[in-house]
Every structure is written in structure tokens, then in C-alpha cells.
């Protein structure tokens, strides 16, 4: 008998134990990895396309003819112009997001999809790409980046030894599904403008609002980049310079002046004069141009009932505001670490019926979340089945009328104080 055969015979028990251990190890490895692989495939594989496919369920929206004038009996004027404040506008929040918000993907196609579905308000977040914000080669991008800077006691961003801003936490638009190499961290602003140019006015002459959320410090160079890129791609779509510098309330602009045009909105007044000139309105809680109301996720759950707690007087005050001004409402998005395992967990919508009852011009919704559990976006889009720009009911519109007549006094009836003296005071009196 060979030495190898003898070895096997003498150690057969140990060999069987080793084989069993190896088999168990392989089984444990498979048990631990296969579910993860299945989970990865279910969540990550082809994630972008799966998210974008949902947009195919958007209802078909055909823009009806947009009325430009009406009969104002107060002025005896049969062709009095409608203003932008007289309409509801289908509004898309963070239009570049195809899936969820936190640490998730960005997509050019998502912008095209919401425009083609009828959105007339597009929202893009503007960041910078580069080592330092004020470097000469730093450029503007569209992305979904959340930076938490570390500040010193004077409120200034602290720097490391190399002069870079110290960031406490940074989340970039790259899903944790890292193996999908085609996932983008950010979008080129020029490409976004090209998509708007090629899609926004194919089936409608309604104006398009481009709401740029400037997520960097006051930086004249980056703002000039934004201006120059808009100028290069959409110069012929900008509205008349008379409406620049936010000198006119957007709500009062006649519809006839903005057909087939783009209206530029920002979240703060631009520092750069060129961008400031083409910026038509500021959207913020302090703005007197487009007033912004932000609500939290918890507030959104009871939004309608809570907003009506003030009774009829509060309701009348709200309508007085929304009828004379452009008003926007946004539900702030939550940062949800588990979004990668439950896509769109952080982009849920809410019941917006109250907004339409009181005349809110722009109710921003998360269009990537369609259909959602409560069909809130579906019900929202049904409001715009005849187009992304819909005339408000008469009771929600402001009808200008002449000021009341001024009444002048009859000067013949005026009197002056008269003092009379006589007979050493015997007849003293005054009127």
C-alpha cells in the first residue's frame, strides 16, 4: 500500500471533518452573499432606467389655448390683459432627480421627462466643481450636494492647512450602488439648458420658469458663468429687459409678454450685475416678488387642516395675497440614510388640495414619485390635464378696478374763527 493510501486510511476522520468544515464555510458564504447580491440587483442594477421608466405613466397633458385677455367691466375694457398671478403652474421640485434625494442619482432625462409631461416650473440646484470656490478654473454644475461646513466663532468657514474649506459631512449625487459606473455625480448646466431649449416649447407657447437654487456663497465669477451660459443657449427666450433686475412684480406681468419665453428665478438676489439683469424674480420667504412658504414633512401631513385653522378671515387674507402676487409652496425633503434600500423614501408628496383652494401659483411636487402610495402626484397632475398653465377660478383672481372717487369739500361752507370785542368787554365773545 502506498504512503498516500496509508495516510488517507490513518487520517480519514480528520479529512472528513475538514471537508465538512469547508462545505459549511462555502454554504455560510453563499448564504451571506447571495441575498446581498439579490438585494443589490433589485435595488442597484439598472436603477436609473427603472426610475426613469415610471415617468412613462404620467398622464397625457395637452396644453389648451392660454387666454390672454378678459372683459374688465370696472374699466369697461373687453380686452383687459390676464397677468401671471391669474394662473396655476405645474411645478417640479429638484427636476434633475430621477429616483430619491439622499445620496442618489441625477439625470438629464429626468429634466426632459418632466418638461414633456407638462411642467412649467423647473428647479435646479447650482453648485461648483473645483477644489476651491473662488479658483479661476472652478465651474458651475447642477447637482445634489449637501455640504456642512465647519465655522469658527466669527462665523467664517474654517480652513485646513492647505487652505481648503473644512467640511463636516459631504454627500454627493452618487448612489451607494457604486458598481454602476454610468451613474453621474452631477450634470453640466449647459446640457440642462440645451434640454430646456429643445423641449420646453414644442407643444405649447406657455412661459417656462427656471428656478435656480444658488447653493454657493456670493461669487461673481460663478454667477457670471450662469449668465453667460443662459445667454448662449436661451438668449432669444429671455423676456424683455424691462422686467430685469426684479424691478417688476412677476405676478403683474401680462401673459402676452411672456409667451414662448423663459422667466429666470433665483433663491437670492444675484451679486453679479449680468445675472441680476436677466433675473426676473427672487423666490424666498423674505421676497416681495415670489413669496415662498416652506413646510416640513410633518407639517405636510396635516397641511390642509392646519392651514384652515384660522377660519374664514385667515382664508380671505391668504386669497388676497395669492390673487395679487405669485406665491410658491415647497415641502422640504428629508435626508434619509435608508433611501438606497427604499428608493424615493425621502421624496414623498402630500395632499395639495388646500393650495388650489386658496390660489397658490406654484406648488412644487416631486415628480419622480409617481405613482405614490396616496396618489397625491396623480391627483395633482389631474389639475393640469389641460396644460401646465391653468387659469384660476374667478374667485381666486384679482380684478383691477379704478380707485374710488375723491370727494372735495364745498369751500363756500368753510368757516373761520371770528373774535369780536366791544364796550370794554361787555360784548366780548368769539366764534
Protein backbone atom coordinates (compact mmCIF):
# COMPACT_ATOMS: atom_id res chain seq x y z
CA UNK A 1 0.00 0.00 0.00
CA UNK A 2 1.38 3.44 -0.95
CA UNK A 3 2.25 6.02 1.64
CA UNK A 4 -0.59 8.29 0.37
CA UNK A 5 -3.14 5.49 0.79
CA UNK A 6 -1.85 4.80 4.25
CA UNK A 7 -2.09 8.48 5.09
CA UNK A 8 -5.71 8.59 3.94
CA UNK A 9 -6.55 5.48 5.92
CA UNK A 10 -4.92 6.74 9.09
CA UNK A 11 -6.46 10.28 8.85
CA UNK A 12 -9.82 9.62 7.24
CA UNK A 13 -11.75 11.03 10.21
CA UNK A 14 -9.78 14.29 10.18
CA UNK A 15 -10.15 14.61 6.42
CA UNK A 16 -13.92 14.14 6.64
CA UNK A 17 -14.08 16.84 9.33
CA UNK A 18 -12.03 19.24 7.14
CA UNK A 19 -14.25 18.58 4.14
CA UNK A 20 -17.39 19.14 6.21
CA UNK A 21 -15.95 22.41 7.56
CA UNK A 22 -15.11 23.57 4.04
CA UNK A 23 -18.60 22.71 2.82
CA UNK A 24 -20.15 24.56 5.74
CA UNK A 25 -17.90 27.56 5.10
CA UNK A 26 -18.96 27.68 1.46
CA UNK A 27 -22.61 27.38 2.45
CA UNK A 28 -22.27 30.20 5.01
CA UNK A 29 -20.52 32.36 2.40
CA UNK A 30 -23.30 31.74 -0.11
CA UNK A 31 -25.99 32.38 2.48
CA UNK A 32 -24.39 35.70 3.36
CA UNK A 33 -23.58 36.87 -0.17
CA UNK A 34 -26.46 35.63 -2.32
CA UNK A 35 -29.15 37.66 -0.51
CA UNK A 36 -26.91 40.72 -0.77
CA UNK A 37 -26.42 40.03 -4.45
CA UNK A 38 -30.17 39.65 -4.90
CA UNK A 39 -30.72 42.84 -2.91
CA UNK A 40 -28.09 44.66 -4.95
CA UNK A 41 -29.62 43.51 -8.21
CA UNK A 42 -33.08 44.51 -7.03
CA UNK A 43 -32.01 47.97 -5.88
CA UNK A 44 -28.97 48.89 -7.91
CA UNK A 45 -28.95 47.01 -11.16
CA UNK A 46 -30.36 49.22 -13.89
CA UNK A 47 -31.59 51.56 -11.14
CA UNK A 48 -31.56 54.66 -13.29
CA UNK A 49 -33.63 53.15 -16.08
CA UNK A 50 -36.10 51.66 -13.61
CA UNK A 51 -36.60 55.08 -12.03
CA UNK A 52 -36.99 56.80 -15.37
CA UNK A 53 -39.46 54.19 -16.61
CA UNK A 54 -42.01 55.38 -14.05
CA UNK A 55 -42.31 58.65 -15.95
CA UNK A 56 -43.97 56.72 -18.77
CA UNK A 57 -47.05 56.55 -16.53
CA UNK A 58 -47.51 60.32 -16.48
CA UNK A 59 -50.94 61.20 -17.88
CA UNK A 60 -51.02 62.79 -21.30
CA UNK A 61 -51.26 66.57 -20.90
CA UNK A 62 -52.32 68.76 -23.78
CA UNK A 63 -51.98 72.47 -23.24
CA UNK A 64 -55.26 74.19 -24.01
CA UNK A 65 -55.23 77.66 -25.51
CA UNK A 66 -53.99 80.11 -22.91
CA UNK A 67 -56.37 83.07 -22.56
CA UNK A 68 -54.64 86.44 -22.73
CA UNK A 69 -57.48 88.92 -22.11
CA UNK A 70 -60.85 89.18 -20.37
CA UNK A 71 -63.68 91.68 -20.05
CA UNK A 72 -62.99 94.03 -17.15
CA UNK A 73 -66.30 95.76 -16.52
CA UNK A 74 -64.76 98.13 -13.96
CA UNK A 75 -62.80 99.78 -16.75
CA UNK A 76 -65.29 98.97 -19.48
CA UNK A 77 -62.39 97.22 -21.19
CA UNK A 78 -63.24 94.00 -23.11
CA UNK A 79 -59.56 93.15 -23.72
CA UNK A 80 -58.02 93.63 -20.31
CA UNK A 81 -54.79 91.52 -20.01
CA UNK A 82 -54.51 88.45 -17.82
CA UNK A 83 -51.40 88.51 -15.60
CA UNK A 84 -49.20 85.62 -14.49
CA UNK A 85 -50.72 85.76 -10.99
CA UNK A 86 -54.04 84.64 -12.52
CA UNK A 87 -52.72 81.13 -13.28
CA UNK A 88 -51.64 77.90 -11.63
CA UNK A 89 -48.34 76.46 -12.89
CA UNK A 90 -47.32 72.79 -12.80
CA UNK A 91 -44.12 72.91 -10.75
CA UNK A 92 -41.37 70.29 -10.50
CA UNK A 93 -39.11 70.27 -7.43
CA UNK A 94 -35.48 69.18 -7.96
CA UNK A 95 -36.30 68.29 -11.54
CA UNK A 96 -32.93 66.58 -12.14
CA UNK A 97 -33.62 63.75 -9.66
CA UNK A 98 -34.97 60.54 -11.22
CA UNK A 99 -35.03 58.42 -8.05
CA UNK A 100 -34.66 59.69 -4.50
CA UNK A 101 -32.99 62.63 -2.84
CA UNK A 102 -30.38 61.45 -0.34
CA UNK A 103 -27.12 60.32 -1.90
CA UNK A 104 -28.90 59.38 -5.10
CA UNK A 105 -28.69 59.75 -8.85
CA UNK A 106 -29.04 62.72 -11.19
CA UNK A 107 -30.21 62.57 -14.77
CA UNK A 108 -30.62 64.77 -17.84
CA UNK A 109 -33.50 62.60 -18.96
CA UNK A 110 -35.39 63.36 -15.79
CA UNK A 111 -35.46 67.06 -16.75
CA UNK A 112 -36.72 66.24 -20.23
CA UNK A 113 -39.37 63.90 -18.83
CA UNK A 114 -41.00 66.44 -16.51
CA UNK A 115 -40.99 69.12 -19.21
CA UNK A 116 -42.58 66.76 -21.71
CA UNK A 117 -45.14 65.78 -19.06
CA UNK A 118 -46.26 69.39 -18.74
CA UNK A 119 -44.14 71.03 -16.02
CA UNK A 120 -43.80 74.79 -16.49
CA UNK A 121 -41.57 75.40 -13.46
CA UNK A 122 -38.20 73.64 -13.37
CA UNK A 123 -35.95 73.63 -10.31
CA UNK A 124 -32.18 73.08 -10.49
CA UNK A 125 -29.63 73.23 -7.64
CA UNK A 126 -26.45 75.07 -8.61
CA UNK A 127 -23.12 74.09 -7.05
CA UNK A 128 -19.49 74.46 -8.07
CA UNK A 129 -16.99 71.89 -9.27
CA UNK A 130 -13.40 72.51 -8.23
CA UNK A 131 -11.00 72.47 -5.33
CA UNK A 132 -11.90 75.94 -4.09
CA UNK A 133 -14.96 78.05 -4.81
CA UNK A 134 -13.01 81.09 -5.97
CA UNK A 135 -10.42 79.31 -8.13
CA UNK A 136 -10.25 80.54 -11.70
CA UNK A 137 -10.97 77.10 -13.14
CA UNK A 138 -13.93 76.38 -10.81
CA UNK A 139 -17.17 75.98 -12.76
CA UNK A 140 -20.87 75.80 -12.06
CA UNK A 141 -22.68 72.46 -12.14
CA UNK A 142 -26.14 71.11 -11.41
CA UNK A 143 -26.10 68.57 -8.63
CA UNK A 144 -27.46 67.25 -5.41
CA UNK A 145 -24.65 68.02 -2.99
CA UNK A 146 -25.11 68.72 0.69
CA UNK A 147 -22.13 70.35 2.39
CA UNK A 148 -21.94 71.04 6.12
CA UNK A 149 -19.09 73.46 6.61
CA UNK A 150 -17.28 73.89 9.92
CA UNK A 151 -17.43 77.51 11.10
CA UNK A 152 -15.23 79.38 13.58
CA UNK A 153 -16.52 81.63 16.37
CA UNK A 154 -16.67 84.56 13.95
CA UNK A 155 -18.97 82.71 11.58
CA UNK A 156 -16.27 82.14 8.96
CA UNK A 157 -15.73 78.77 7.26
CA UNK A 158 -12.64 77.17 8.79
CA UNK A 159 -9.76 76.13 6.53
CA UNK A 160 -7.36 73.21 6.76
CA UNK A 161 -3.58 73.61 6.43
CA UNK A 162 -3.92 73.57 2.63
CA UNK A 163 -6.48 76.37 2.62
CA UNK A 164 -9.44 74.16 1.77
CA UNK A 165 -12.81 74.57 3.44
CA UNK A 166 -13.30 72.07 6.25
CA UNK A 167 -16.38 70.00 5.56
CA UNK A 168 -18.08 68.07 8.34
CA UNK A 169 -20.05 65.86 6.02
CA UNK A 170 -20.39 65.69 2.27
CA UNK A 171 -22.98 63.76 0.31
CA UNK A 172 -22.71 63.67 -3.45
CA UNK A 173 -25.20 62.60 -6.07
CA UNK A 174 -23.76 59.11 -6.39
CA UNK A 175 -25.86 56.22 -5.21
CA UNK A 176 -24.18 53.70 -2.97
CA UNK A 177 -24.66 51.35 -5.90
CA UNK A 178 -21.09 52.22 -6.88
CA UNK A 179 -20.64 49.44 -9.43
CA UNK A 180 -23.00 51.14 -11.88
CA UNK A 181 -20.31 53.27 -13.49
CA UNK A 182 -22.67 55.31 -15.62
CA UNK A 183 -24.23 56.97 -12.58
CA UNK A 184 -23.44 60.67 -12.63
CA UNK A 185 -22.33 62.79 -9.70
CA UNK A 186 -23.53 66.00 -11.32
CA UNK A 187 -24.90 67.48 -14.53
CA UNK A 188 -23.46 70.12 -16.82
CA UNK A 189 -25.59 73.25 -16.69
CA UNK A 190 -25.13 73.85 -20.41
CA UNK A 191 -26.62 70.45 -21.21
CA UNK A 192 -29.59 71.18 -18.95
CA UNK A 193 -30.18 74.45 -20.81
CA UNK A 194 -29.97 72.61 -24.12
CA UNK A 195 -32.65 70.17 -22.95
CA UNK A 196 -34.89 73.07 -21.90
CA UNK A 197 -34.38 74.82 -25.22
CA UNK A 198 -35.21 71.71 -27.23
CA UNK A 199 -38.24 70.55 -25.24
CA UNK A 200 -39.95 73.40 -23.41
CA UNK A 201 -41.87 74.95 -26.32
CA UNK A 202 -42.51 72.01 -28.61
CA UNK A 203 -46.23 71.67 -27.80
CA UNK A 204 -47.06 74.90 -26.02
CA UNK A 205 -46.37 78.61 -26.02
CA UNK A 206 -46.70 78.84 -22.23
CA UNK A 207 -43.79 80.52 -20.43
CA UNK A 208 -41.33 78.33 -18.56
CA UNK A 209 -39.98 79.35 -15.15
CA UNK A 210 -36.39 78.27 -14.44
CA UNK A 211 -35.84 78.36 -10.68
CA UNK A 212 -32.11 78.25 -9.88
CA UNK A 213 -31.23 77.48 -6.28
CA UNK A 214 -27.75 79.03 -5.82
CA UNK A 215 -26.02 76.76 -3.31
CA UNK A 216 -22.72 78.64 -3.14
CA UNK A 217 -21.55 81.83 -1.49
CA UNK A 218 -21.83 85.18 -3.25
CA UNK A 219 -19.43 84.60 -6.11
CA UNK A 220 -19.39 86.97 -9.05
CA UNK A 221 -17.40 84.60 -11.24
CA UNK A 222 -19.75 81.63 -10.84
CA UNK A 223 -22.79 83.85 -11.28
CA UNK A 224 -21.32 85.26 -14.47
CA UNK A 225 -20.88 81.69 -15.74
CA UNK A 226 -24.58 81.09 -15.16
CA UNK A 227 -25.46 84.29 -17.01
CA UNK A 228 -23.19 83.57 -19.98
CA UNK A 229 -24.45 80.01 -20.39
CA UNK A 230 -28.09 81.10 -20.25
CA UNK A 231 -27.27 83.87 -22.73
CA UNK A 232 -25.57 81.43 -25.12
CA UNK A 233 -28.40 78.88 -25.12
CA UNK A 234 -31.57 80.85 -24.41
CA UNK A 235 -30.86 84.45 -25.36
CA UNK A 236 -33.86 84.65 -27.69
CA UNK A 237 -36.13 83.21 -24.98
CA UNK A 238 -35.40 85.81 -22.31
CA UNK A 239 -38.23 88.24 -21.61
CA UNK A 240 -37.89 91.96 -22.22
CA UNK A 241 -35.11 93.68 -20.26
CA UNK A 242 -37.74 95.95 -18.73
CA UNK A 243 -38.56 93.02 -16.43
CA UNK A 244 -34.94 92.51 -15.38
CA UNK A 245 -33.35 93.36 -12.04
CA UNK A 246 -36.63 92.19 -10.38
CA UNK A 247 -37.95 95.72 -10.88
CA UNK A 248 -41.45 94.46 -11.69
CA UNK A 249 -43.55 92.05 -9.67
CA UNK A 250 -43.73 88.88 -11.72
CA UNK A 251 -47.35 88.36 -10.87
CA UNK A 252 -48.31 91.57 -12.63
CA UNK A 253 -46.58 90.73 -15.93
CA UNK A 254 -49.16 90.31 -18.74
CA UNK A 255 -49.30 86.83 -20.23
CA UNK A 256 -48.95 88.25 -23.74
CA UNK A 257 -45.44 89.49 -22.83
CA UNK A 258 -44.07 86.08 -21.86
CA UNK A 259 -45.44 83.64 -24.43
CA UNK A 260 -42.73 81.25 -25.65
CA UNK A 261 -40.33 82.80 -23.15
CA UNK A 262 -38.28 81.74 -20.13
CA UNK A 263 -38.55 83.51 -16.77
CA UNK A 264 -35.45 83.30 -14.56
CA UNK A 265 -35.93 82.90 -10.81
CA UNK A 266 -33.27 82.57 -8.11
CA UNK A 267 -33.36 81.97 -4.36
CA UNK A 268 -31.45 85.18 -3.63
CA UNK A 269 -30.56 88.40 -5.40
CA UNK A 270 -27.52 87.75 -7.63
CA UNK A 271 -24.30 89.57 -6.84
CA UNK A 272 -23.16 89.69 -10.46
CA UNK A 273 -24.80 92.53 -12.41
CA UNK A 274 -25.24 90.49 -15.62
CA UNK A 275 -27.07 87.64 -13.89
CA UNK A 276 -29.00 90.17 -11.84
CA UNK A 277 -30.21 91.86 -15.01
CA UNK A 278 -31.74 88.70 -16.51
CA UNK A 279 -33.13 87.50 -13.16
CA UNK A 280 -36.81 88.34 -13.11
CA UNK A 281 -37.73 87.32 -9.60
CA UNK A 282 -36.48 86.11 -6.21
CA UNK A 283 -38.16 83.13 -4.58
CA UNK A 284 -37.72 83.24 -0.82
CA UNK A 285 -39.61 83.66 2.43
CA UNK A 286 -38.48 87.31 2.59
CA UNK A 287 -39.22 88.08 -1.05
CA UNK A 288 -41.84 90.57 -2.11
CA UNK A 289 -41.68 89.18 -5.64
CA UNK A 290 -42.38 85.45 -5.34
CA UNK A 291 -43.21 84.66 -1.73
CA UNK A 292 -42.03 81.19 -0.68
CA UNK A 293 -43.62 79.13 2.09
CA UNK A 294 -41.69 76.01 3.12
CA UNK A 295 -43.30 73.25 5.15
CA UNK A 296 -41.71 70.26 6.83
CA UNK A 297 -42.68 66.66 6.23
CA UNK A 298 -44.59 66.50 9.50
CA UNK A 299 -46.42 69.72 8.69
CA UNK A 300 -47.31 68.36 5.26
CA UNK A 301 -49.30 65.51 6.79
CA UNK A 302 -51.78 67.93 8.34
CA UNK A 303 -51.10 70.77 5.95
CA UNK A 304 -54.62 71.41 4.71
CA UNK A 305 -56.44 71.21 8.06
CA UNK A 306 -53.68 73.19 9.80
CA UNK A 307 -53.79 75.95 7.19
CA UNK A 308 -57.56 76.26 7.62
CA UNK A 309 -57.48 76.62 11.40
CA UNK A 310 -57.56 80.41 11.06
CA UNK A 311 -61.13 80.30 9.75
CA UNK A 312 -62.72 82.40 7.03
CA UNK A 313 -60.83 85.58 7.91
CA UNK A 314 -57.46 83.85 7.53
CA UNK A 315 -58.63 82.25 4.31
CA UNK A 316 -59.65 85.63 2.89
CA UNK A 317 -56.27 87.07 3.81
CA UNK A 318 -54.49 84.19 2.07
CA UNK A 319 -56.55 84.62 -1.09
CA UNK A 320 -55.94 88.36 -1.07
CA UNK A 321 -52.22 87.59 -1.03
CA UNK A 322 -52.24 84.85 -3.68
CA UNK A 323 -54.56 86.76 -6.01
CA UNK A 324 -52.25 89.78 -6.16
CA UNK A 325 -48.87 88.03 -6.01
CA UNK A 326 -47.05 84.92 -7.14
CA UNK A 327 -46.85 82.52 -4.19
CA UNK A 328 -44.88 79.25 -4.02
CA UNK A 329 -45.09 76.35 -1.56
CA UNK A 330 -42.38 73.70 -1.13
CA UNK A 331 -42.31 70.65 1.13
CA UNK A 332 -38.72 70.33 2.27
CA UNK A 333 -37.07 66.99 1.58
CA UNK A 334 -35.76 64.78 4.36
CA UNK A 335 -32.24 63.39 4.43
CA UNK A 336 -32.92 59.67 4.70
CA UNK A 337 -29.90 57.32 5.00
CA UNK A 338 -32.02 54.31 4.05
CA UNK A 339 -33.07 55.80 0.73
CA UNK A 340 -30.76 53.46 -1.18
CA UNK A 341 -32.74 50.49 0.14
CA UNK A 342 -36.08 52.17 -0.28
CA UNK A 343 -35.80 54.47 -3.28
CA UNK A 344 -37.93 57.63 -3.13
CA UNK A 345 -38.47 57.22 0.61
CA UNK A 346 -37.41 60.85 1.08
CA UNK A 347 -39.40 62.38 -1.78
CA UNK A 348 -42.96 61.62 -0.74
CA UNK A 349 -45.66 64.09 -1.77
CA UNK A 350 -48.59 65.47 0.19
CA UNK A 351 -52.20 66.45 -0.27
CA UNK A 352 -52.17 69.82 -2.05
CA UNK A 353 -55.93 70.44 -2.34
CA UNK A 354 -55.72 73.45 0.00
CA UNK A 355 -53.14 75.16 -2.24
CA UNK A 356 -55.57 75.07 -5.14
CA UNK A 357 -58.45 76.23 -2.97
CA UNK A 358 -56.60 79.39 -1.95
CA UNK A 359 -54.84 80.12 -5.24
CA UNK A 360 -51.16 79.21 -4.69
CA UNK A 361 -49.48 79.78 -8.07
CA UNK A 362 -46.62 77.29 -7.71
CA UNK A 363 -47.00 74.14 -5.66
CA UNK A 364 -43.72 72.26 -6.07
CA UNK A 365 -44.04 68.47 -6.21
CA UNK A 366 -41.62 65.55 -6.51
CA UNK A 367 -42.47 64.31 -9.99
CA UNK A 368 -40.12 61.32 -9.71
CA UNK A 369 -42.51 59.82 -7.17
CA UNK A 370 -45.30 58.66 -9.48
CA UNK A 371 -47.48 56.95 -8.61
CA UNK A 372 -47.04 57.25 -4.86
CA UNK A 373 -48.92 55.40 -2.12
CA UNK A 374 -51.64 58.03 -1.82
CA UNK A 375 -51.67 59.11 -5.47
CA UNK A 376 -51.02 62.70 -4.43
CA UNK A 377 -48.99 63.45 -7.55
CA UNK A 378 -51.62 61.77 -9.70
CA UNK A 379 -54.33 63.99 -8.22
CA UNK A 380 -52.04 66.99 -8.63
CA UNK A 381 -51.44 66.27 -12.32
CA UNK A 382 -55.17 65.86 -12.88
CA UNK A 383 -55.43 69.58 -12.06
CA UNK A 384 -53.25 70.19 -15.11
CA UNK A 385 -54.85 67.79 -17.55
CA UNK A 386 -55.46 70.72 -19.88
CA UNK A 387 -51.91 72.00 -19.64
CA UNK A 388 -49.18 73.05 -17.24
CA UNK A 389 -50.57 76.59 -17.10
CA UNK A 390 -54.19 76.72 -15.94
CA UNK A 391 -56.38 79.76 -15.29
CA UNK A 392 -57.51 80.17 -11.68
CA UNK A 393 -61.24 80.33 -10.89
CA UNK A 394 -62.71 83.82 -10.88
CA UNK A 395 -62.98 83.98 -7.08
CA UNK A 396 -59.20 83.46 -6.78
CA UNK A 397 -58.22 86.15 -9.27
CA UNK A 398 -57.50 89.79 -8.63
CA UNK A 399 -59.63 92.06 -10.83
CA UNK A 400 -58.11 95.55 -11.01
CA UNK A 401 -60.55 98.41 -10.71
CA UNK A 402 -60.26 102.19 -10.64
CA UNK A 403 -59.64 103.86 -7.30
CA UNK A 404 -62.76 105.23 -5.60
CA UNK A 405 -63.86 108.74 -6.48
CA UNK A 406 -62.38 111.52 -4.41
CA UNK A 407 -64.89 113.92 -2.88
CA UNK A 408 -63.85 117.58 -2.47
CA UNK A 409 -65.36 119.86 0.12
CA UNK A 410 -67.57 122.81 -0.81
CA UNK A 411 -65.37 125.75 0.08
CA UNK A 412 -68.41 128.02 0.36
CA UNK A 413 -69.34 126.16 3.51
CA UNK A 414 -65.96 126.69 5.14
CA UNK A 415 -65.83 128.95 8.22
CA UNK A 416 -63.10 130.73 10.11
CA UNK A 417 -62.86 131.51 13.81
CA UNK A 418 -64.08 135.09 14.49
CA UNK A 419 -63.23 137.14 17.59
CA UNK A 420 -65.41 140.17 18.47
CA UNK A 421 -64.75 142.76 21.18
CA UNK A 422 -66.96 145.71 22.24
CA UNK A 423 -67.96 148.03 25.07
CA UNK A 424 -64.96 147.27 27.22
CA UNK A 425 -65.69 143.61 27.38
CA UNK A 426 -69.45 143.70 27.86
CA UNK A 427 -69.93 142.24 24.42
CA UNK A 428 -66.74 140.11 24.27
CA UNK A 429 -67.33 136.74 22.61
CA UNK A 430 -65.70 134.51 19.96
CA UNK A 431 -66.93 132.09 17.38
